[in-house]
Amino acid sequence: MIYHVIRVIFVLLLAGVGSRFMDSQVRPEWLPTVWVIPLFLLIGLVVAVIDILITRKSLVVLSGVFFGLLVGMVGAYGLGLVIELVMASTPPPDPVLITTIKLVVGIICCYFAVTFVIQTKDDIRFIIPYVEFSKQKKGGRPIILDTSVIIEGRVADIADTRIIESEYIIPRFVLLELQNIADSADKMKRNRGRRGLDMLNKMQSNPRLDIKILDVEFSAETTAEGVDGMLVSLAQQIDGRIMTNDYNLNKVAQLRGVDVVNINDLANALKPVFLPGERMQVRIVKPGEEADQGVGYLEDGTMVVVSGGRPHISEEISITVTSVLQTSAGRMIFGRADDFSDSRGDRNRNRGAANE
């Protein structure tokens, strides 16, 4: 609302300037008095419309343009002096030609200076100390939350520990995707969407967290890439990191040079480390793929595949860890029931005893 008020005041101020210009002696004869105020109003409306159409404004670009114009005009002034000296030696000198050449050279100098400064803005500070066009961020880089990681819910607990002291960014398009999932006709999707909205409410109600809903617009090409493409583009724009547990988004972001905080990797790093030979207790809940295997789960959800565990389904048994497989998708522990004996090994030992 404040922007519309400022635009109206701007147009009215231009109209006021036009009213002062009506009776001025410098008013050109071709401009009737009755058309002065409408002309200034039209100029103000055109400027306001251009301002509305430019939805994304960048202080970096504005600073680059200003500094580039300054350098370009200084260079054009110096070249203009050289042009005057050269043209003065070719009688008779033509003032109109000299002015035209100086004007063309000045425009060229300003154009190249502006484009050069904008394209090399990150290197300017090495040439001119204390002059730079990149925003300096204090503290950690912002973390952009993906839809899947919000629905999964562990991010709320991680954020509550304050182990990551960064601003959490929730793009508007992620929030809209959550709302669409929550309004889905499918009961499973609807429950997942509502869980994600509950997680967001939980995080926003935490006074110790810095949560920001970000409105951002993308080009048609970026929008066509879907939510994953927009997340990666947003992370590149604000120099942020993406927090997700989506394997595909993780790979796409890494290919485009965007840092990713993978919830599964973080959880795996915090899980207890089990080394081969260690003993542990696990409850067998279902049979495994092999004939003698049973499958159990630890409290954190880690799958445990136990050789000799099939006879102990629904029982808690002691096992010995044989190996651990850890990936970005999770961790698996392979073990052997303490009372399990390899039938093939027993047969070999019995055969050897019979031969003796």
Protein backbone atom coordinates (compact mmCIF):
# COMPACT_ATOMS: atom_id res chain seq x y z
CA MET A 1 0.00 0.00 0.00
CA ILE A 2 2.81 2.41 0.87
CA TYR A 3 4.27 2.02 -2.62
CA HIS A 4 1.01 3.09 -4.26
CA VAL A 5 0.84 6.17 -2.02
CA ILE A 6 4.40 7.13 -2.95
CA ARG A 7 3.61 6.73 -6.66
CA VAL A 8 0.50 8.95 -6.39
CA ILE A 9 2.50 11.62 -4.56
CA PHE A 10 5.20 11.42 -7.25
CA VAL A 11 2.68 11.96 -10.06
CA LEU A 12 1.04 14.86 -8.20
CA LEU A 13 4.41 16.50 -7.62
CA LEU A 14 5.15 16.34 -11.34
CA ALA A 15 1.76 17.90 -12.02
CA GLY A 16 2.66 20.69 -9.58
CA VAL A 17 5.90 21.30 -11.44
CA GLY A 18 3.88 21.48 -14.67
CA SER A 19 1.58 24.12 -13.20
CA ARG A 20 4.61 26.28 -12.41
CA PHE A 21 5.85 25.73 -15.95
CA MET A 22 2.60 26.94 -17.56
CA ASP A 23 3.37 30.64 -17.24
CA SER A 24 7.13 30.28 -17.66
CA GLN A 25 8.84 32.27 -20.38
CA VAL A 26 10.94 29.27 -21.40
CA ARG A 27 7.84 27.28 -22.41
CA PRO A 28 8.17 26.41 -26.12
CA GLU A 29 5.59 27.90 -28.46
CA TRP A 30 4.58 24.49 -29.83
CA LEU A 31 3.36 23.42 -26.39
CA PRO A 32 -0.07 24.94 -25.61
CA THR A 33 -0.76 25.96 -22.04
CA VAL A 34 -3.64 23.53 -21.63
CA TRP A 35 -1.37 20.59 -22.48
CA VAL A 36 1.37 21.36 -19.93
CA ILE A 37 -0.15 19.69 -16.88
CA PRO A 38 -1.45 16.62 -18.82
CA LEU A 39 2.02 16.21 -20.33
CA PHE A 40 3.66 16.17 -16.88
CA LEU A 41 0.96 13.81 -15.59
CA LEU A 42 1.65 11.49 -18.52
CA ILE A 43 5.38 11.55 -17.77
CA GLY A 44 4.69 10.66 -14.13
CA LEU A 45 2.33 7.82 -15.10
CA VAL A 46 4.85 6.38 -17.57
CA VAL A 47 7.58 6.41 -14.91
CA ALA A 48 5.23 4.79 -12.35
CA VAL A 49 4.21 2.06 -14.84
CA ILE A 50 7.85 1.32 -15.62
CA ASP A 51 8.52 1.06 -11.89
CA ILE A 52 5.64 -1.42 -11.49
CA LEU A 53 6.78 -3.53 -14.46
CA ILE A 54 10.31 -3.85 -13.04
CA THR A 55 9.37 -6.35 -10.33
CA ARG A 56 12.90 -7.29 -9.33
CA LYS A 57 15.09 -4.36 -8.37
CA SER A 58 18.71 -4.86 -7.46
CA LEU A 59 20.93 -2.47 -5.54
CA VAL A 60 23.88 -4.28 -7.07
CA VAL A 61 22.78 -3.31 -10.59
CA LEU A 62 22.00 0.27 -9.56
CA SER A 63 25.42 0.68 -7.94
CA GLY A 64 27.09 -0.87 -10.98
CA VAL A 65 25.26 1.48 -13.36
CA PHE A 66 26.12 4.56 -11.30
CA PHE A 67 29.77 3.65 -10.94
CA GLY A 68 30.00 2.63 -14.60
CA LEU A 69 28.47 5.92 -15.78
CA LEU A 70 30.91 7.83 -13.59
CA VAL A 71 33.90 5.99 -15.06
CA GLY A 72 32.48 6.26 -18.58
CA MET A 73 31.96 10.02 -18.37
CA VAL A 74 35.47 10.57 -17.03
CA GLY A 75 36.88 8.48 -19.87
CA ALA A 76 34.68 10.27 -22.43
CA TYR A 77 35.86 13.66 -21.16
CA GLY A 78 39.50 12.69 -21.60
CA LEU A 79 38.90 11.27 -25.09
CA GLY A 80 36.91 14.40 -25.96
CA LEU A 81 39.97 16.56 -25.31
CA VAL A 82 42.03 14.34 -27.59
CA ILE A 83 39.38 14.51 -30.31
CA GLU A 84 39.31 18.32 -30.14
CA LEU A 85 43.10 18.47 -30.51
CA VAL A 86 43.05 16.08 -33.48
CA MET A 87 40.15 17.81 -35.23
CA ALA A 88 41.69 21.24 -34.66
CA SER A 89 44.66 20.25 -36.82
CA THR A 90 42.40 19.61 -39.84
CA PRO A 91 41.15 23.02 -41.03
CA PRO A 92 38.52 24.12 -41.09
CA PRO A 93 37.23 22.41 -37.89
CA ASP A 94 33.51 21.59 -37.96
CA PRO A 95 31.94 22.19 -34.50
CA VAL A 96 28.90 20.03 -35.32
CA LEU A 97 31.09 17.11 -36.41
CA ILE A 98 33.29 17.42 -33.32
CA THR A 99 30.24 17.49 -31.01
CA THR A 100 28.73 14.47 -32.76
CA ILE A 101 31.95 12.46 -32.49
CA LYS A 102 32.36 13.36 -28.82
CA LEU A 103 28.75 12.38 -28.12
CA VAL A 104 29.16 8.99 -29.85
CA VAL A 105 32.44 8.33 -28.04
CA GLY A 106 30.84 9.29 -24.72
CA ILE A 107 27.92 6.90 -25.22
CA ILE A 108 30.30 4.08 -26.18
CA CYS A 109 32.49 4.72 -23.15
CA CYS A 110 29.52 4.75 -20.76
CA TYR A 111 28.10 1.56 -22.31
CA PHE A 112 31.32 -0.41 -22.01
CA ALA A 113 32.02 0.95 -18.51
CA VAL A 114 28.57 -0.01 -17.20
CA THR A 115 28.59 -3.51 -18.70
CA PHE A 116 32.16 -4.13 -17.56
CA VAL A 117 31.45 -3.04 -13.96
CA ILE A 118 28.27 -5.14 -13.68
CA GLN A 119 29.95 -8.25 -15.09
CA THR A 120 33.04 -7.90 -12.87
CA LYS A 121 31.39 -6.47 -9.75
CA ASP A 122 32.86 -9.19 -7.52
CA ASP A 123 36.43 -8.19 -8.51
CA ILE A 124 36.03 -4.43 -8.07
CA ARG A 125 37.00 -4.52 -4.40
CA PHE A 126 40.43 -5.89 -5.30
CA ILE A 127 41.10 -2.86 -7.50
CA ILE A 128 39.42 -0.18 -5.38
CA PRO A 129 39.58 -0.98 -1.65
CA TYR A 130 36.34 -0.72 0.35
CA VAL A 131 34.23 -0.65 -2.84
CA GLU A 132 32.19 -3.78 -3.48
CA PHE A 133 28.73 -4.54 -4.82
CA SER A 134 28.00 -7.88 -3.14
CA LYS A 135 25.89 -7.97 -0.01
CA GLN A 136 27.90 -8.89 3.06
CA LYS A 137 25.99 -11.37 5.20
CA LYS A 138 26.61 -11.66 8.90
CA GLY A 139 26.25 -15.04 10.57
CA GLY A 140 25.42 -18.27 8.81
CA ARG A 141 24.11 -18.48 5.29
CA PRO A 142 20.31 -18.78 5.06
CA ILE A 143 18.81 -22.26 4.81
CA ILE A 144 16.00 -22.85 2.32
CA LEU A 145 13.57 -25.56 3.38
CA ASP A 146 12.28 -28.08 0.85
CA THR A 147 8.72 -29.41 0.89
CA SER A 148 9.79 -32.97 1.71
CA VAL A 149 11.91 -31.98 4.68
CA ILE A 150 9.09 -29.87 6.14
CA ILE A 151 6.61 -32.75 5.86
CA GLU A 152 9.12 -35.21 7.32
CA GLY A 153 9.24 -33.07 10.46
CA ARG A 154 12.73 -33.63 11.86
CA VAL A 155 13.77 -30.13 10.80
CA ALA A 156 11.61 -28.65 13.58
CA ASP A 157 13.50 -30.63 16.23
CA ILE A 158 16.87 -29.84 14.63
CA ALA A 159 16.06 -26.13 14.48
CA ASP A 160 14.90 -26.16 18.11
CA THR A 161 18.33 -27.36 19.25
CA ARG A 162 19.87 -24.15 17.80
CA ILE A 163 22.73 -26.20 16.41
CA ILE A 164 22.25 -24.33 13.10
CA GLU A 165 22.23 -20.59 13.72
CA SER A 166 20.92 -19.44 10.36
CA GLU A 167 17.80 -17.84 9.01
CA TYR A 168 15.29 -20.39 7.71
CA ILE A 169 13.75 -19.40 4.37
CA ILE A 170 10.40 -20.84 3.29
CA PRO A 171 9.66 -19.76 -0.30
CA ARG A 172 6.08 -18.89 -1.12
CA PHE A 173 5.94 -21.57 -3.83
CA VAL A 174 6.89 -24.24 -1.25
CA LEU A 175 4.09 -23.02 1.02
CA LEU A 176 1.63 -23.17 -1.89
CA GLU A 177 2.75 -26.71 -2.69
CA LEU A 178 2.13 -27.72 0.93
CA GLN A 179 -1.34 -26.18 0.79
CA ASN A 180 -2.11 -28.04 -2.43
CA ILE A 181 -0.99 -31.32 -0.85
CA ALA A 182 -3.11 -30.60 2.25
CA ASP A 183 -6.16 -30.02 0.00
CA SER A 184 -5.57 -33.19 -2.02
CA ALA A 185 -8.39 -35.68 -2.48
CA ASP A 186 -6.01 -38.50 -1.55
CA LYS A 187 -6.14 -39.11 2.20
CA MET A 188 -2.46 -40.03 2.46
CA LYS A 189 -1.33 -36.87 0.68
CA ARG A 190 -3.78 -34.76 2.66
CA ASN A 191 -2.38 -36.04 5.96
CA ARG A 192 1.20 -35.39 4.80
CA GLY A 193 0.33 -31.85 3.75
CA ARG A 194 -1.36 -31.09 7.04
CA ARG A 195 1.62 -32.50 8.91
CA GLY A 196 3.89 -30.14 6.96
CA LEU A 197 1.69 -27.13 7.83
CA ASP A 198 1.71 -28.19 11.49
CA MET A 199 5.52 -28.34 11.41
CA LEU A 200 5.66 -24.82 9.96
CA ASN A 201 3.31 -23.52 12.66
CA LYS A 202 5.49 -25.19 15.29
CA MET A 203 8.62 -23.53 13.92
CA GLN A 204 7.00 -20.10 13.54
CA SER A 205 5.70 -20.22 17.12
CA ASN A 206 9.23 -20.81 18.40
CA PRO A 207 10.57 -17.35 19.40
CA ARG A 208 14.17 -18.55 19.19
CA LEU A 209 13.97 -19.29 15.46
CA ASP A 210 14.27 -16.82 12.61
CA ILE A 211 11.66 -17.93 10.04
CA LYS A 212 10.98 -15.93 6.88
CA ILE A 213 8.34 -16.49 4.19
CA LEU A 214 9.96 -15.25 0.97
CA ASP A 215 8.05 -14.04 -2.08
CA VAL A 216 10.13 -14.43 -5.21
CA GLU A 217 9.36 -14.39 -8.93
CA PHE A 218 11.14 -16.43 -11.59
CA SER A 219 11.28 -16.44 -15.34
CA ALA A 220 9.02 -18.78 -17.30
CA GLU A 221 11.97 -21.09 -18.01
CA THR A 222 12.82 -21.47 -14.31
CA THR A 223 9.17 -21.96 -13.35
CA ALA A 224 8.88 -24.73 -15.94
CA GLU A 225 11.62 -26.65 -14.08
CA GLY A 226 9.27 -27.13 -11.14
CA VAL A 227 9.80 -26.63 -7.42
CA ASP A 228 13.26 -28.24 -7.44
CA GLY A 229 14.52 -25.89 -10.16
CA MET A 230 13.11 -22.84 -8.38
CA LEU A 231 14.72 -23.92 -5.09
CA VAL A 232 18.13 -24.22 -6.74
CA SER A 233 17.73 -20.86 -8.51
CA LEU A 234 16.68 -19.17 -5.27
CA ALA A 235 19.68 -20.63 -3.43
CA GLN A 236 21.97 -19.23 -6.14
CA GLN A 237 20.34 -15.79 -5.90
CA ILE A 238 20.60 -15.39 -2.11
CA ASP A 239 23.73 -17.52 -1.63
CA GLY A 240 21.82 -19.93 0.58
CA ARG A 241 21.80 -23.64 1.31
CA ILE A 242 18.99 -26.10 0.67
CA MET A 243 17.88 -28.42 3.45
CA THR A 244 16.26 -31.55 2.04
CA ASN A 245 16.07 -35.32 2.22
CA ASP A 246 15.23 -35.65 -1.48
CA TYR A 247 17.97 -37.63 -3.23
CA ASN A 248 17.26 -36.20 -6.69
CA LEU A 249 17.18 -32.58 -5.49
CA ASN A 250 20.43 -33.24 -3.63
CA LYS A 251 22.18 -34.36 -6.84
CA VAL A 252 20.73 -31.54 -8.99
CA ALA A 253 21.80 -28.91 -6.47
CA GLN A 254 25.32 -30.31 -6.26
CA LEU A 255 25.64 -30.31 -10.06
CA ARG A 256 24.70 -26.61 -10.11
CA GLY A 257 27.12 -25.71 -7.31
CA VAL A 258 24.55 -25.23 -4.53
CA ASP A 259 25.34 -26.46 -1.03
CA VAL A 260 22.86 -28.94 0.45
CA VAL A 261 22.18 -29.88 4.05
CA ASN A 262 20.91 -33.47 3.82
CA ILE A 263 18.78 -34.47 6.79
CA ASN A 264 19.67 -38.14 6.32
CA ASP A 265 23.40 -37.40 6.35
CA LEU A 266 22.97 -35.30 9.48
CA ALA A 267 20.96 -38.04 11.19
CA ASN A 268 23.51 -40.69 10.20
CA ALA A 269 26.32 -38.59 11.64
CA LEU A 270 24.51 -38.47 15.00
CA LYS A 271 23.61 -42.17 15.16
CA PRO A 272 25.57 -44.44 17.50
CA VAL A 273 28.51 -46.11 15.81
CA PHE A 274 28.43 -49.90 15.84
CA LEU A 275 31.65 -51.66 14.94
CA PRO A 276 31.96 -55.29 13.76
CA GLY A 277 32.26 -57.59 16.74
CA GLU A 278 30.15 -55.45 19.09
CA ARG A 279 27.07 -56.95 20.72
CA MET A 280 23.65 -55.33 20.90
CA GLN A 281 20.01 -56.09 21.64
CA VAL A 282 17.38 -55.93 18.90
CA ARG A 283 13.79 -57.05 18.53
CA ILE A 284 13.10 -59.17 15.43
CA VAL A 285 9.85 -58.01 13.79
CA LYS A 286 9.73 -59.78 10.42
CA PRO A 287 11.56 -62.37 8.29
CA GLY A 288 14.33 -61.33 5.92
CA GLU A 289 15.00 -62.22 2.30
CA GLU A 290 17.20 -65.21 3.11
CA ALA A 291 15.81 -68.37 4.65
CA ASP A 292 17.44 -67.85 8.04
CA GLN A 293 17.31 -64.03 8.23
CA GLY A 294 15.24 -61.85 10.50
CA VAL A 295 14.80 -58.08 10.37
CA GLY A 296 14.62 -55.69 13.30
CA TYR A 297 14.79 -51.96 13.84
CA LEU A 298 16.51 -49.73 16.33
CA GLU A 299 14.68 -46.88 18.05
CA ASP A 300 15.96 -44.40 15.46
CA GLY A 301 14.63 -46.49 12.58
CA THR A 302 17.90 -48.15 11.56
CA MET A 303 17.27 -51.52 9.90
CA VAL A 304 19.11 -54.50 11.38
CA VAL A 305 19.39 -57.68 9.28
CA VAL A 306 20.15 -60.67 11.52
CA SER A 307 21.40 -64.03 10.31
CA GLY A 308 19.62 -66.71 12.30
CA GLY A 309 16.93 -64.30 13.39
CA ARG A 310 13.94 -65.87 11.62
CA PRO A 311 13.14 -68.30 14.48
CA HIS A 312 13.06 -65.36 16.91
CA ILE A 313 10.37 -63.19 15.31
CA SER A 314 8.62 -61.05 17.95
CA GLU A 315 11.50 -61.72 20.36
CA GLU A 316 14.31 -59.47 21.58
CA ILE A 317 17.64 -61.25 21.15
CA SER A 318 21.33 -60.55 21.51
CA ILE A 319 23.32 -60.29 18.28
CA THR A 320 26.89 -59.66 17.21
CA VAL A 321 27.46 -56.96 14.57
CA THR A 322 29.20 -58.29 11.46
CA SER A 323 29.13 -55.22 9.16
CA VAL A 324 27.58 -51.77 8.73
CA LEU A 325 26.40 -50.23 5.44
CA GLN A 326 25.95 -46.47 5.46
CA THR A 327 24.63 -44.34 2.57
CA SER A 328 22.83 -41.01 2.12
CA ALA A 329 19.57 -42.95 2.08
CA GLY A 330 20.20 -44.36 5.56
CA ARG A 331 22.16 -46.97 7.51
CA MET A 332 21.83 -50.75 7.65
CA ILE A 333 23.42 -53.03 10.25
CA PHE A 334 24.12 -56.69 9.57
CA GLY A 335 24.49 -59.01 12.49
CA ARG A 336 24.42 -62.61 13.61
CA ALA A 337 22.28 -64.09 16.37
CA ASP A 338 24.45 -65.29 19.25
CA ASP A 339 22.76 -68.71 19.25
CA PHE A 340 23.00 -69.10 15.45
CA SER A 341 25.29 -71.74 13.97
CA ASP A 342 25.98 -72.02 10.25
CA SER A 343 24.53 -75.35 9.12
CA ARG A 344 27.05 -75.61 6.31
CA GLY A 345 29.89 -75.09 8.75
CA ASP A 346 28.41 -77.72 11.07
CA ARG A 347 28.14 -80.21 8.20
CA ASN A 348 31.76 -79.60 7.21
CA ARG A 349 32.95 -80.07 10.76
CA ASN A 350 30.90 -83.27 11.14
CA ARG A 351 32.24 -84.60 7.81
CA GLY A 352 35.80 -83.92 8.94
CA ALA A 353 35.21 -85.70 12.23
CA ALA A 354 33.74 -88.74 10.41
CA ASN A 355 36.77 -89.00 8.10
CA GLU A 356 39.06 -89.08 11.09
